[in-house]
N, C-alpha and C. Protein backbone atom coordinates (compact mmCIF):
# COMPACT_ATOMS: atom_id res chain seq x y z
N UNK A 1 -4.49 -4.77 3.14
CA UNK A 1 -3.71 -4.19 2.06
C UNK A 1 -3.48 -2.71 2.34
N UNK A 2 -2.27 -2.27 2.11
CA UNK A 2 -1.90 -0.86 2.26
C UNK A 2 -1.24 -0.41 0.97
N UNK A 3 -0.93 0.89 0.88
CA UNK A 3 -0.25 1.33 -0.33
C UNK A 3 1.24 1.56 -0.05
N UNK A 4 1.96 1.93 -1.09
CA UNK A 4 3.42 2.04 -0.99
C UNK A 4 3.90 3.15 -0.07
N UNK A 5 3.01 4.00 0.39
CA UNK A 5 3.44 5.09 1.29
C UNK A 5 3.96 4.55 2.62
N UNK A 6 3.64 3.32 2.98
CA UNK A 6 4.13 2.75 4.25
C UNK A 6 5.49 2.07 4.10
N UNK A 7 6.01 1.98 2.87
CA UNK A 7 7.30 1.32 2.66
C UNK A 7 8.40 2.00 3.45
N UNK A 8 9.20 1.20 4.18
CA UNK A 8 10.36 1.71 4.89
C UNK A 8 11.31 0.55 5.15
N UNK A 9 12.55 0.87 5.47
CA UNK A 9 13.53 -0.17 5.78
C UNK A 9 13.05 -0.99 6.96
N UNK A 10 13.19 -2.31 6.85
CA UNK A 10 12.80 -3.20 7.94
C UNK A 10 11.37 -3.68 7.87
N UNK A 11 10.55 -3.11 6.97
CA UNK A 11 9.16 -3.53 6.84
C UNK A 11 9.11 -4.91 6.20
N UNK A 12 8.24 -5.75 6.68
CA UNK A 12 8.07 -7.09 6.14
C UNK A 12 6.78 -7.13 5.33
N UNK A 13 6.89 -7.51 4.07
CA UNK A 13 5.72 -7.55 3.18
C UNK A 13 5.61 -8.92 2.53
N UNK A 14 4.40 -9.22 2.05
CA UNK A 14 4.20 -10.43 1.26
C UNK A 14 4.34 -10.02 -0.20
N UNK A 15 5.32 -10.59 -0.88
CA UNK A 15 5.60 -10.25 -2.26
C UNK A 15 5.71 -11.54 -3.06
N UNK A 16 4.90 -11.67 -4.09
CA UNK A 16 4.85 -12.89 -4.91
C UNK A 16 4.61 -14.12 -4.03
N UNK A 17 3.73 -13.96 -3.03
CA UNK A 17 3.32 -15.07 -2.19
C UNK A 17 4.28 -15.46 -1.08
N UNK A 18 5.41 -14.76 -0.95
CA UNK A 18 6.39 -15.09 0.07
C UNK A 18 6.75 -13.86 0.90
N UNK A 19 7.12 -14.06 2.18
CA UNK A 19 7.50 -12.91 3.00
C UNK A 19 8.87 -12.36 2.61
N UNK A 20 8.93 -11.05 2.45
CA UNK A 20 10.17 -10.36 2.11
C UNK A 20 10.35 -9.19 3.07
N UNK A 21 11.60 -8.86 3.34
CA UNK A 21 11.89 -7.70 4.17
C UNK A 21 12.50 -6.62 3.28
N UNK A 22 12.08 -5.37 3.51
CA UNK A 22 12.61 -4.25 2.74
C UNK A 22 13.96 -3.88 3.33
N UNK A 23 15.03 -4.12 2.56
CA UNK A 23 16.38 -3.83 3.02
C UNK A 23 16.74 -2.38 2.73
N UNK A 24 16.27 -1.86 1.61
CA UNK A 24 16.55 -0.47 1.23
C UNK A 24 15.41 0.05 0.37
N UNK A 25 15.14 1.34 0.46
CA UNK A 25 14.12 1.93 -0.39
C UNK A 25 14.51 3.36 -0.73
N UNK A 26 14.19 3.75 -1.95
CA UNK A 26 14.44 5.11 -2.43
C UNK A 26 13.20 5.60 -3.13
N UNK A 27 12.76 6.80 -2.77
CA UNK A 27 11.60 7.41 -3.43
C UNK A 27 12.12 8.24 -4.59
N UNK A 28 11.54 8.04 -5.78
CA UNK A 28 11.96 8.78 -6.97
C UNK A 28 10.75 9.50 -7.54
N UNK A 29 10.91 10.80 -7.74
CA UNK A 29 9.85 11.62 -8.32
C UNK A 29 10.41 12.30 -9.56
N UNK A 30 10.29 11.64 -10.71
CA UNK A 30 10.86 12.24 -11.93
C UNK A 30 10.08 13.48 -12.35
N UNK A 31 10.72 14.32 -13.14
CA UNK A 31 10.05 15.54 -13.60
C UNK A 31 8.85 15.23 -14.47
N UNK A 32 8.92 14.12 -15.17
CA UNK A 32 7.83 13.73 -16.07
C UNK A 32 7.41 12.31 -15.70
N UNK A 33 6.15 12.07 -15.59
CA UNK A 33 5.66 10.74 -15.23
C UNK A 33 5.35 10.65 -13.75
N UNK A 34 4.90 9.47 -13.33
CA UNK A 34 4.50 9.31 -11.94
C UNK A 34 5.68 8.87 -11.07
N UNK A 35 5.56 9.14 -9.77
CA UNK A 35 6.60 8.79 -8.81
C UNK A 35 6.60 7.28 -8.56
N UNK A 36 7.75 6.79 -8.07
CA UNK A 36 7.85 5.36 -7.77
C UNK A 36 8.88 5.13 -6.67
N UNK A 37 8.87 3.90 -6.13
CA UNK A 37 9.80 3.49 -5.08
C UNK A 37 10.71 2.40 -5.63
N UNK A 38 12.02 2.62 -5.54
CA UNK A 38 13.00 1.57 -5.86
C UNK A 38 13.31 0.87 -4.55
N UNK A 39 13.13 -0.44 -4.53
CA UNK A 39 13.37 -1.18 -3.29
C UNK A 39 14.34 -2.32 -3.51
N UNK A 40 15.00 -2.71 -2.44
CA UNK A 40 15.80 -3.92 -2.42
C UNK A 40 15.12 -4.82 -1.41
N UNK A 41 14.68 -5.99 -1.86
CA UNK A 41 13.93 -6.92 -1.02
C UNK A 41 14.75 -8.16 -0.74
N UNK A 42 14.59 -8.70 0.47
CA UNK A 42 15.26 -9.95 0.84
C UNK A 42 14.21 -10.97 1.19
N UNK A 43 14.24 -12.10 0.49
CA UNK A 43 13.32 -13.19 0.77
C UNK A 43 13.70 -13.79 2.12
N UNK A 44 12.75 -13.82 3.06
CA UNK A 44 13.03 -14.30 4.41
C UNK A 44 13.37 -15.79 4.42
N UNK A 45 12.72 -16.55 3.58
CA UNK A 45 12.94 -18.00 3.60
C UNK A 45 14.24 -18.40 2.90
N UNK A 46 14.52 -17.84 1.71
CA UNK A 46 15.70 -18.24 0.96
C UNK A 46 16.90 -17.33 1.18
N UNK A 47 16.67 -16.10 1.62
CA UNK A 47 17.76 -15.16 1.82
C UNK A 47 18.18 -14.43 0.55
N UNK A 48 17.50 -14.71 -0.57
CA UNK A 48 17.85 -14.09 -1.85
C UNK A 48 17.50 -12.60 -1.85
N UNK A 49 18.40 -11.80 -2.41
CA UNK A 49 18.20 -10.36 -2.53
C UNK A 49 17.88 -10.01 -3.98
N UNK A 50 16.95 -9.09 -4.16
CA UNK A 50 16.71 -8.58 -5.51
C UNK A 50 16.05 -7.21 -5.45
N UNK A 51 16.13 -6.50 -6.56
CA UNK A 51 15.57 -5.16 -6.65
C UNK A 51 14.22 -5.20 -7.33
N UNK A 52 13.30 -4.34 -6.85
CA UNK A 52 11.98 -4.24 -7.46
C UNK A 52 11.50 -2.80 -7.36
N UNK A 53 10.78 -2.35 -8.38
CA UNK A 53 10.25 -0.99 -8.40
C UNK A 53 8.74 -1.03 -8.25
N UNK A 54 8.25 -0.31 -7.23
CA UNK A 54 6.81 -0.18 -6.99
C UNK A 54 6.35 1.18 -7.48
N UNK A 55 5.21 1.23 -8.15
CA UNK A 55 4.62 2.51 -8.52
C UNK A 55 4.05 3.16 -7.27
N UNK A 56 4.09 4.47 -7.21
CA UNK A 56 3.52 5.19 -6.08
C UNK A 56 2.03 4.92 -6.00
N UNK A 57 1.54 4.54 -4.83
CA UNK A 57 0.12 4.26 -4.64
C UNK A 57 -0.26 2.81 -4.89
N UNK A 58 0.68 2.00 -5.35
CA UNK A 58 0.43 0.57 -5.61
C UNK A 58 0.12 -0.13 -4.28
N UNK A 59 -0.76 -1.12 -4.31
CA UNK A 59 -1.15 -1.85 -3.11
C UNK A 59 -0.09 -2.91 -2.76
N UNK A 60 0.24 -2.98 -1.47
CA UNK A 60 1.15 -4.02 -0.97
C UNK A 60 0.52 -4.65 0.26
N UNK A 61 0.94 -5.88 0.55
CA UNK A 61 0.39 -6.60 1.70
C UNK A 61 1.46 -6.74 2.77
N UNK A 62 1.16 -6.28 3.97
CA UNK A 62 2.09 -6.43 5.08
C UNK A 62 2.03 -7.86 5.60
N UNK A 63 3.18 -8.40 5.99
CA UNK A 63 3.23 -9.74 6.56
C UNK A 63 2.75 -9.69 8.00
N UNK A 64 2.05 -10.75 8.47
CA UNK A 64 1.55 -10.77 9.85
C UNK A 64 2.69 -11.04 10.85
N UNK A 65 3.27 -9.98 11.37
CA UNK A 65 4.41 -10.11 12.27
C UNK A 65 3.98 -10.06 13.73
N UNK A 66 4.76 -10.71 14.57
CA UNK A 66 4.56 -10.66 16.02
C UNK A 66 5.76 -9.91 16.59
N UNK A 67 5.51 -8.95 17.48
CA UNK A 67 6.58 -8.18 18.10
C UNK A 67 6.85 -8.72 19.49
N UNK A 68 8.12 -9.03 19.76
CA UNK A 68 8.52 -9.53 21.08
C UNK A 68 9.74 -8.76 21.55
N UNK A 69 9.90 -8.68 22.86
CA UNK A 69 11.03 -7.97 23.43
C UNK A 69 12.16 -8.96 23.72
N UNK A 70 13.37 -8.61 23.23
CA UNK A 70 14.54 -9.46 23.42
C UNK A 70 15.69 -8.62 23.96
N UNK A 71 16.57 -9.28 24.71
CA UNK A 71 17.75 -8.62 25.26
C UNK A 71 18.96 -8.98 24.40
N UNK A 72 19.75 -7.96 24.04
CA UNK A 72 20.94 -8.21 23.23
C UNK A 72 22.02 -8.87 24.08
N UNK A 73 22.60 -9.97 23.57
CA UNK A 73 23.62 -10.70 24.29
C UNK A 73 25.02 -10.44 23.76
N UNK A 74 25.27 -10.83 22.50
CA UNK A 74 26.61 -10.71 21.94
C UNK A 74 26.57 -10.80 20.42
N UNK A 75 27.74 -10.53 19.82
CA UNK A 75 27.90 -10.61 18.37
C UNK A 75 28.94 -11.67 18.07
N UNK A 76 28.66 -12.48 17.04
CA UNK A 76 29.62 -13.48 16.59
C UNK A 76 29.69 -13.39 15.08
N UNK A 77 30.84 -12.95 14.56
CA UNK A 77 31.05 -12.68 13.14
C UNK A 77 29.98 -11.71 12.66
N UNK A 78 29.09 -12.11 11.74
CA UNK A 78 28.08 -11.17 11.23
C UNK A 78 26.68 -11.47 11.78
N UNK A 79 26.61 -12.17 12.91
CA UNK A 79 25.32 -12.45 13.54
C UNK A 79 25.25 -11.83 14.93
N UNK A 80 24.07 -11.30 15.25
CA UNK A 80 23.81 -10.67 16.55
C UNK A 80 22.81 -11.54 17.30
N UNK A 81 23.15 -11.93 18.53
CA UNK A 81 22.33 -12.86 19.30
C UNK A 81 21.54 -12.13 20.39
N UNK A 82 20.25 -12.50 20.48
CA UNK A 82 19.33 -11.90 21.44
C UNK A 82 18.65 -13.01 22.23
N UNK A 83 18.17 -12.68 23.45
CA UNK A 83 17.49 -13.66 24.29
C UNK A 83 16.17 -13.08 24.79
N UNK A 84 15.15 -13.92 24.77
CA UNK A 84 13.87 -13.53 25.35
C UNK A 84 14.03 -13.63 26.86
N UNK A 85 13.88 -12.51 27.61
CA UNK A 85 14.12 -12.56 29.06
C UNK A 85 13.10 -13.40 29.84
N UNK A 86 11.97 -13.71 29.24
CA UNK A 86 10.95 -14.51 29.94
C UNK A 86 11.15 -16.01 29.72
N UNK A 87 11.45 -16.39 28.47
CA UNK A 87 11.56 -17.81 28.13
C UNK A 87 13.01 -18.29 27.99
N UNK A 88 13.96 -17.35 27.97
CA UNK A 88 15.39 -17.64 27.77
C UNK A 88 15.68 -18.23 26.40
N UNK A 89 14.73 -18.12 25.47
CA UNK A 89 14.93 -18.57 24.10
C UNK A 89 15.89 -17.59 23.41
N UNK A 90 16.83 -18.13 22.63
CA UNK A 90 17.79 -17.27 21.92
C UNK A 90 17.51 -17.28 20.43
N UNK A 91 17.69 -16.10 19.82
CA UNK A 91 17.54 -15.96 18.38
C UNK A 91 18.71 -15.13 17.86
N UNK A 92 18.88 -15.14 16.55
CA UNK A 92 19.95 -14.32 15.97
C UNK A 92 19.43 -13.55 14.77
N UNK A 93 20.04 -12.40 14.55
CA UNK A 93 19.74 -11.56 13.37
C UNK A 93 21.04 -11.31 12.64
N UNK A 94 20.98 -11.34 11.31
CA UNK A 94 22.17 -11.07 10.51
C UNK A 94 22.46 -9.58 10.49
N UNK A 95 23.73 -9.26 10.28
CA UNK A 95 24.19 -7.87 10.28
C UNK A 95 23.45 -7.01 9.25
N UNK A 96 23.18 -7.56 8.06
CA UNK A 96 22.51 -6.76 7.02
C UNK A 96 21.07 -6.42 7.39
N UNK A 97 20.43 -7.22 8.24
CA UNK A 97 19.07 -6.90 8.69
C UNK A 97 19.11 -5.71 9.64
N UNK A 98 20.13 -5.64 10.50
CA UNK A 98 20.26 -4.52 11.42
C UNK A 98 20.64 -3.23 10.69
N UNK A 99 21.34 -3.36 9.58
CA UNK A 99 21.74 -2.18 8.81
C UNK A 99 22.64 -1.27 9.64
N UNK A 100 22.42 0.03 9.55
CA UNK A 100 23.23 1.02 10.26
C UNK A 100 23.05 0.92 11.78
N UNK A 101 21.95 0.34 12.23
CA UNK A 101 21.70 0.25 13.67
C UNK A 101 22.70 -0.66 14.38
N UNK A 102 23.44 -1.49 13.64
CA UNK A 102 24.44 -2.37 14.26
C UNK A 102 25.48 -1.57 15.06
N UNK A 103 25.67 -0.30 14.69
CA UNK A 103 26.64 0.55 15.39
C UNK A 103 26.16 1.01 16.76
N UNK A 104 24.89 0.80 17.07
CA UNK A 104 24.31 1.34 18.30
C UNK A 104 23.74 0.28 19.24
N UNK A 105 23.86 -1.00 18.88
CA UNK A 105 23.34 -2.09 19.71
C UNK A 105 24.27 -2.26 20.92
N UNK A 106 23.67 -2.19 22.12
CA UNK A 106 24.45 -2.24 23.36
C UNK A 106 24.07 -3.48 24.15
N UNK A 107 25.08 -4.17 24.70
CA UNK A 107 24.83 -5.37 25.50
C UNK A 107 23.86 -5.11 26.64
N UNK A 108 22.99 -6.06 26.88
CA UNK A 108 21.99 -6.07 27.96
C UNK A 108 20.80 -5.16 27.71
N UNK A 109 20.81 -4.36 26.65
CA UNK A 109 19.65 -3.51 26.36
C UNK A 109 18.53 -4.34 25.74
N UNK A 110 17.29 -3.91 25.97
CA UNK A 110 16.12 -4.60 25.41
C UNK A 110 15.71 -3.95 24.08
N UNK A 111 15.37 -4.79 23.11
CA UNK A 111 14.95 -4.33 21.78
C UNK A 111 13.71 -5.10 21.36
N UNK A 112 12.87 -4.45 20.56
CA UNK A 112 11.70 -5.12 20.02
C UNK A 112 12.07 -5.76 18.69
N UNK A 113 11.81 -7.06 18.60
CA UNK A 113 12.15 -7.81 17.40
C UNK A 113 10.88 -8.39 16.80
N UNK A 114 10.77 -8.26 15.48
CA UNK A 114 9.62 -8.80 14.76
C UNK A 114 9.92 -10.25 14.40
N UNK A 115 8.93 -11.12 14.66
CA UNK A 115 9.07 -12.53 14.28
C UNK A 115 7.92 -12.92 13.35
N UNK A 116 8.22 -13.81 12.44
CA UNK A 116 7.24 -14.34 11.49
C UNK A 116 7.39 -15.85 11.51
N UNK A 117 6.33 -16.54 11.88
CA UNK A 117 6.36 -18.01 11.98
C UNK A 117 7.53 -18.46 12.85
N UNK A 118 7.69 -17.82 14.01
CA UNK A 118 8.74 -18.11 14.99
C UNK A 118 10.17 -17.90 14.50
N UNK A 119 10.33 -17.11 13.42
CA UNK A 119 11.67 -16.79 12.92
C UNK A 119 11.86 -15.28 13.02
N UNK A 120 12.98 -14.85 13.63
CA UNK A 120 13.27 -13.41 13.75
C UNK A 120 13.56 -12.84 12.38
N UNK A 121 12.87 -11.75 12.03
CA UNK A 121 13.05 -11.17 10.70
C UNK A 121 13.55 -9.74 10.71
N UNK A 122 13.29 -8.99 11.78
CA UNK A 122 13.69 -7.59 11.80
C UNK A 122 13.71 -7.06 13.22
N UNK A 123 14.39 -5.93 13.39
CA UNK A 123 14.47 -5.28 14.68
C UNK A 123 13.87 -3.88 14.55
N UNK A 124 13.05 -3.50 15.50
CA UNK A 124 12.48 -2.14 15.49
C UNK A 124 13.52 -1.22 16.13
N UNK A 125 14.22 -0.48 15.29
CA UNK A 125 15.28 0.41 15.77
C UNK A 125 14.68 1.71 16.29
N UNK A 126 15.07 2.12 17.49
CA UNK A 126 14.58 3.40 17.98
C UNK A 126 15.18 4.54 17.16
N UNK A 127 14.49 5.67 17.11
CA UNK A 127 14.95 6.84 16.35
C UNK A 127 16.26 7.39 16.92
N UNK A 128 16.38 7.38 18.26
CA UNK A 128 17.57 7.92 18.91
C UNK A 128 18.02 6.98 20.02
N UNK A 129 19.34 6.96 20.29
CA UNK A 129 19.89 6.18 21.38
C UNK A 129 20.82 7.07 22.21
N UNK A 130 20.96 6.75 23.47
CA UNK A 130 21.87 7.48 24.36
C UNK A 130 23.03 6.56 24.67
N UNK A 131 24.25 7.00 24.34
CA UNK A 131 25.45 6.21 24.57
C UNK A 131 26.50 7.05 25.29
N UNK A 132 27.37 6.37 26.02
CA UNK A 132 28.42 7.04 26.79
C UNK A 132 29.69 7.17 25.94
N UNK A 133 30.34 8.34 26.02
CA UNK A 133 31.59 8.58 25.31
C UNK A 133 32.72 7.92 26.10
N UNK A 134 33.49 7.04 25.42
CA UNK A 134 34.58 6.35 26.11
C UNK A 134 35.95 6.89 25.70
N UNK A 135 36.04 7.53 24.55
CA UNK A 135 37.29 8.14 24.10
C UNK A 135 36.98 9.48 23.46
N UNK A 136 37.69 10.51 23.91
CA UNK A 136 37.52 11.84 23.33
C UNK A 136 38.85 12.57 23.43
N UNK A 137 39.28 13.15 22.34
CA UNK A 137 40.52 13.91 22.37
C UNK A 137 40.25 15.26 23.04
N UNK A 138 41.25 15.78 23.70
CA UNK A 138 41.11 17.09 24.33
C UNK A 138 41.12 18.16 23.26
N UNK A 139 40.33 19.20 23.46
CA UNK A 139 40.30 20.30 22.50
C UNK A 139 40.71 21.58 23.20
N UNK A 140 41.33 22.43 22.43
CA UNK A 140 41.80 23.69 22.98
C UNK A 140 40.84 24.79 22.54
N UNK A 141 40.40 25.59 23.50
CA UNK A 141 39.49 26.68 23.19
C UNK A 141 40.26 27.75 22.41
N UNK A 142 39.63 28.34 21.43
CA UNK A 142 40.29 29.32 20.58
C UNK A 142 40.77 28.64 19.31
N UNK A 143 41.30 29.36 18.39
CA UNK A 143 41.78 28.82 17.11
C UNK A 143 40.73 27.97 16.42
N UNK A 144 39.45 28.23 16.66
CA UNK A 144 38.40 27.44 16.02
C UNK A 144 37.40 28.35 15.34
N UNK A 145 36.74 27.80 14.41
CA UNK A 145 35.69 28.51 13.70
C UNK A 145 34.36 28.03 14.29
N UNK A 146 33.31 28.78 14.17
CA UNK A 146 32.00 28.39 14.69
C UNK A 146 31.63 27.00 14.18
N UNK A 147 31.15 26.18 15.07
CA UNK A 147 30.70 24.84 14.68
C UNK A 147 31.82 23.83 14.59
N UNK A 148 32.95 24.07 15.24
CA UNK A 148 34.06 23.13 15.20
C UNK A 148 33.67 21.82 15.88
N UNK A 149 34.20 20.72 15.36
CA UNK A 149 33.88 19.40 15.91
C UNK A 149 35.15 18.59 16.13
N UNK A 150 34.98 17.49 16.84
CA UNK A 150 36.07 16.53 17.06
C UNK A 150 35.48 15.13 17.00
N UNK A 151 36.34 14.14 16.85
CA UNK A 151 35.91 12.75 16.77
C UNK A 151 35.95 12.12 18.17
N UNK A 152 34.87 11.40 18.51
CA UNK A 152 34.83 10.65 19.77
C UNK A 152 34.40 9.22 19.48
N UNK A 153 34.68 8.34 20.43
CA UNK A 153 34.25 6.94 20.33
C UNK A 153 33.28 6.67 21.47
N UNK A 154 32.13 6.04 21.14
CA UNK A 154 31.14 5.70 22.16
C UNK A 154 31.31 4.24 22.58
N UNK A 155 30.58 3.83 23.61
CA UNK A 155 30.75 2.51 24.23
C UNK A 155 30.54 1.33 23.28
N UNK A 156 29.87 1.52 22.16
CA UNK A 156 29.67 0.42 21.20
C UNK A 156 30.82 0.33 20.20
N UNK A 157 31.76 1.29 20.26
CA UNK A 157 32.89 1.31 19.33
C UNK A 157 32.66 2.23 18.14
N UNK A 158 31.49 2.81 18.03
CA UNK A 158 31.16 3.71 16.91
C UNK A 158 31.85 5.06 17.12
N UNK A 159 32.40 5.61 16.04
CA UNK A 159 33.04 6.92 16.09
C UNK A 159 32.21 7.94 15.32
N UNK A 160 32.10 9.15 15.87
CA UNK A 160 31.33 10.20 15.23
C UNK A 160 31.87 11.57 15.60
N UNK A 161 31.42 12.58 14.86
CA UNK A 161 31.80 13.97 15.10
C UNK A 161 30.84 14.60 16.10
N UNK A 162 31.41 15.31 17.08
CA UNK A 162 30.61 15.99 18.11
C UNK A 162 31.20 17.39 18.33
N UNK A 163 30.46 18.28 18.98
CA UNK A 163 31.01 19.59 19.32
C UNK A 163 32.18 19.47 20.29
N UNK A 164 33.02 20.50 20.35
CA UNK A 164 34.24 20.46 21.16
C UNK A 164 34.00 20.32 22.66
N UNK A 165 32.82 20.73 23.17
CA UNK A 165 32.58 20.68 24.62
C UNK A 165 32.29 19.28 25.15
N UNK A 166 32.08 18.30 24.28
CA UNK A 166 31.84 16.92 24.72
C UNK A 166 33.16 16.32 25.19
N UNK A 167 33.13 15.67 26.36
CA UNK A 167 34.34 15.06 26.89
C UNK A 167 34.09 13.60 27.28
N UNK A 168 35.15 12.90 27.57
CA UNK A 168 35.07 11.50 27.97
C UNK A 168 34.18 11.36 29.20
N UNK A 169 33.27 10.37 29.19
CA UNK A 169 32.37 10.15 30.30
C UNK A 169 30.99 10.77 30.09
N UNK A 170 30.86 11.70 29.14
CA UNK A 170 29.56 12.31 28.85
C UNK A 170 28.66 11.30 28.14
N UNK A 171 27.36 11.44 28.33
CA UNK A 171 26.39 10.65 27.58
C UNK A 171 25.82 11.55 26.50
N UNK A 172 25.74 11.01 25.28
CA UNK A 172 25.23 11.80 24.16
C UNK A 172 24.09 11.07 23.47
N UNK A 173 23.22 11.82 22.81
CA UNK A 173 22.10 11.26 22.07
C UNK A 173 22.49 11.24 20.60
N UNK A 174 22.28 10.09 19.95
CA UNK A 174 22.65 9.91 18.55
C UNK A 174 21.42 9.53 17.75
N UNK A 175 21.24 10.16 16.59
CA UNK A 175 20.18 9.80 15.66
C UNK A 175 20.61 8.52 14.95
N UNK A 176 19.84 7.44 15.09
CA UNK A 176 20.25 6.14 14.53
C UNK A 176 20.12 6.07 13.02
N UNK A 177 19.30 6.91 12.42
CA UNK A 177 19.16 6.88 10.96
C UNK A 177 20.35 7.54 10.28
N UNK A 178 20.84 8.67 10.83
CA UNK A 178 21.94 9.38 10.20
C UNK A 178 23.28 9.06 10.84
N UNK A 179 23.28 8.55 12.08
CA UNK A 179 24.50 8.27 12.79
C UNK A 179 25.18 9.52 13.31
N UNK A 180 24.43 10.62 13.41
CA UNK A 180 25.00 11.89 13.83
C UNK A 180 24.61 12.26 15.26
N UNK A 181 25.47 13.07 15.87
CA UNK A 181 25.23 13.61 17.21
C UNK A 181 23.99 14.48 17.18
N UNK A 182 23.13 14.35 18.21
CA UNK A 182 21.92 15.18 18.32
C UNK A 182 22.09 16.19 19.45
N UNK A 183 22.36 15.69 20.66
CA UNK A 183 22.55 16.57 21.81
C UNK A 183 23.17 15.79 22.95
N UNK A 184 23.53 16.51 24.01
CA UNK A 184 24.09 15.87 25.20
C UNK A 184 22.93 15.39 26.07
N UNK A 185 23.07 14.21 26.65
CA UNK A 185 21.99 13.64 27.47
C UNK A 185 22.02 14.19 28.88
C-alpha cells in the first residue's frame, strides 16, 4: 500500500477490487480544507471511464505489473501495435492510453510496456525523445524580436514551435509531457 503522492498518469492501481489505470490526475489545494487529487480512472477489464477524488495522503494499492520491452510496429485507426522482439508476440495499446505520447512514438523504437495478467495496460513514456526535423520553413535573420520561433514538422508528423536556427535535417529533443522543444541534439 502506498499513498496518493505516487499518483500519476499511466499508473495502474487496484480500485474497488479491480485494476484501473490513471488516465488523468489533477492536484487541488484549496485555500480552506485539505488537499485532494481529482482523477479519471479507466477500468482495465471493462474499459469504463469514471472520475474519482482521492484525499491527499489516502492509501492506494498499486497493481502488480510486469514490465516488458516491445518494439513499435504500426498504427491502425486508434490502436498502436507493438511486438516483443524475443517472442514475436504482438500486442496493441489504445490511443487514449498513450495520451500525448502518441505524437512521439517512432517505428522500430523499443518501449517499455506494463502488462497485467498478460494484457498490455500502459506504456512507460520517456521524459524526452530525440526526433529528426523533416519540414522546416526558411527564416530570415533580422526583423525578429528576441525569442522568435517557427513551426517545424518532425518525423512522426508532430508539429511544434522551435527557435529560428533549427533547419530541416536537424535532430531536436522534445519534452514528451509538454510537447515543447527542449534543445538541439
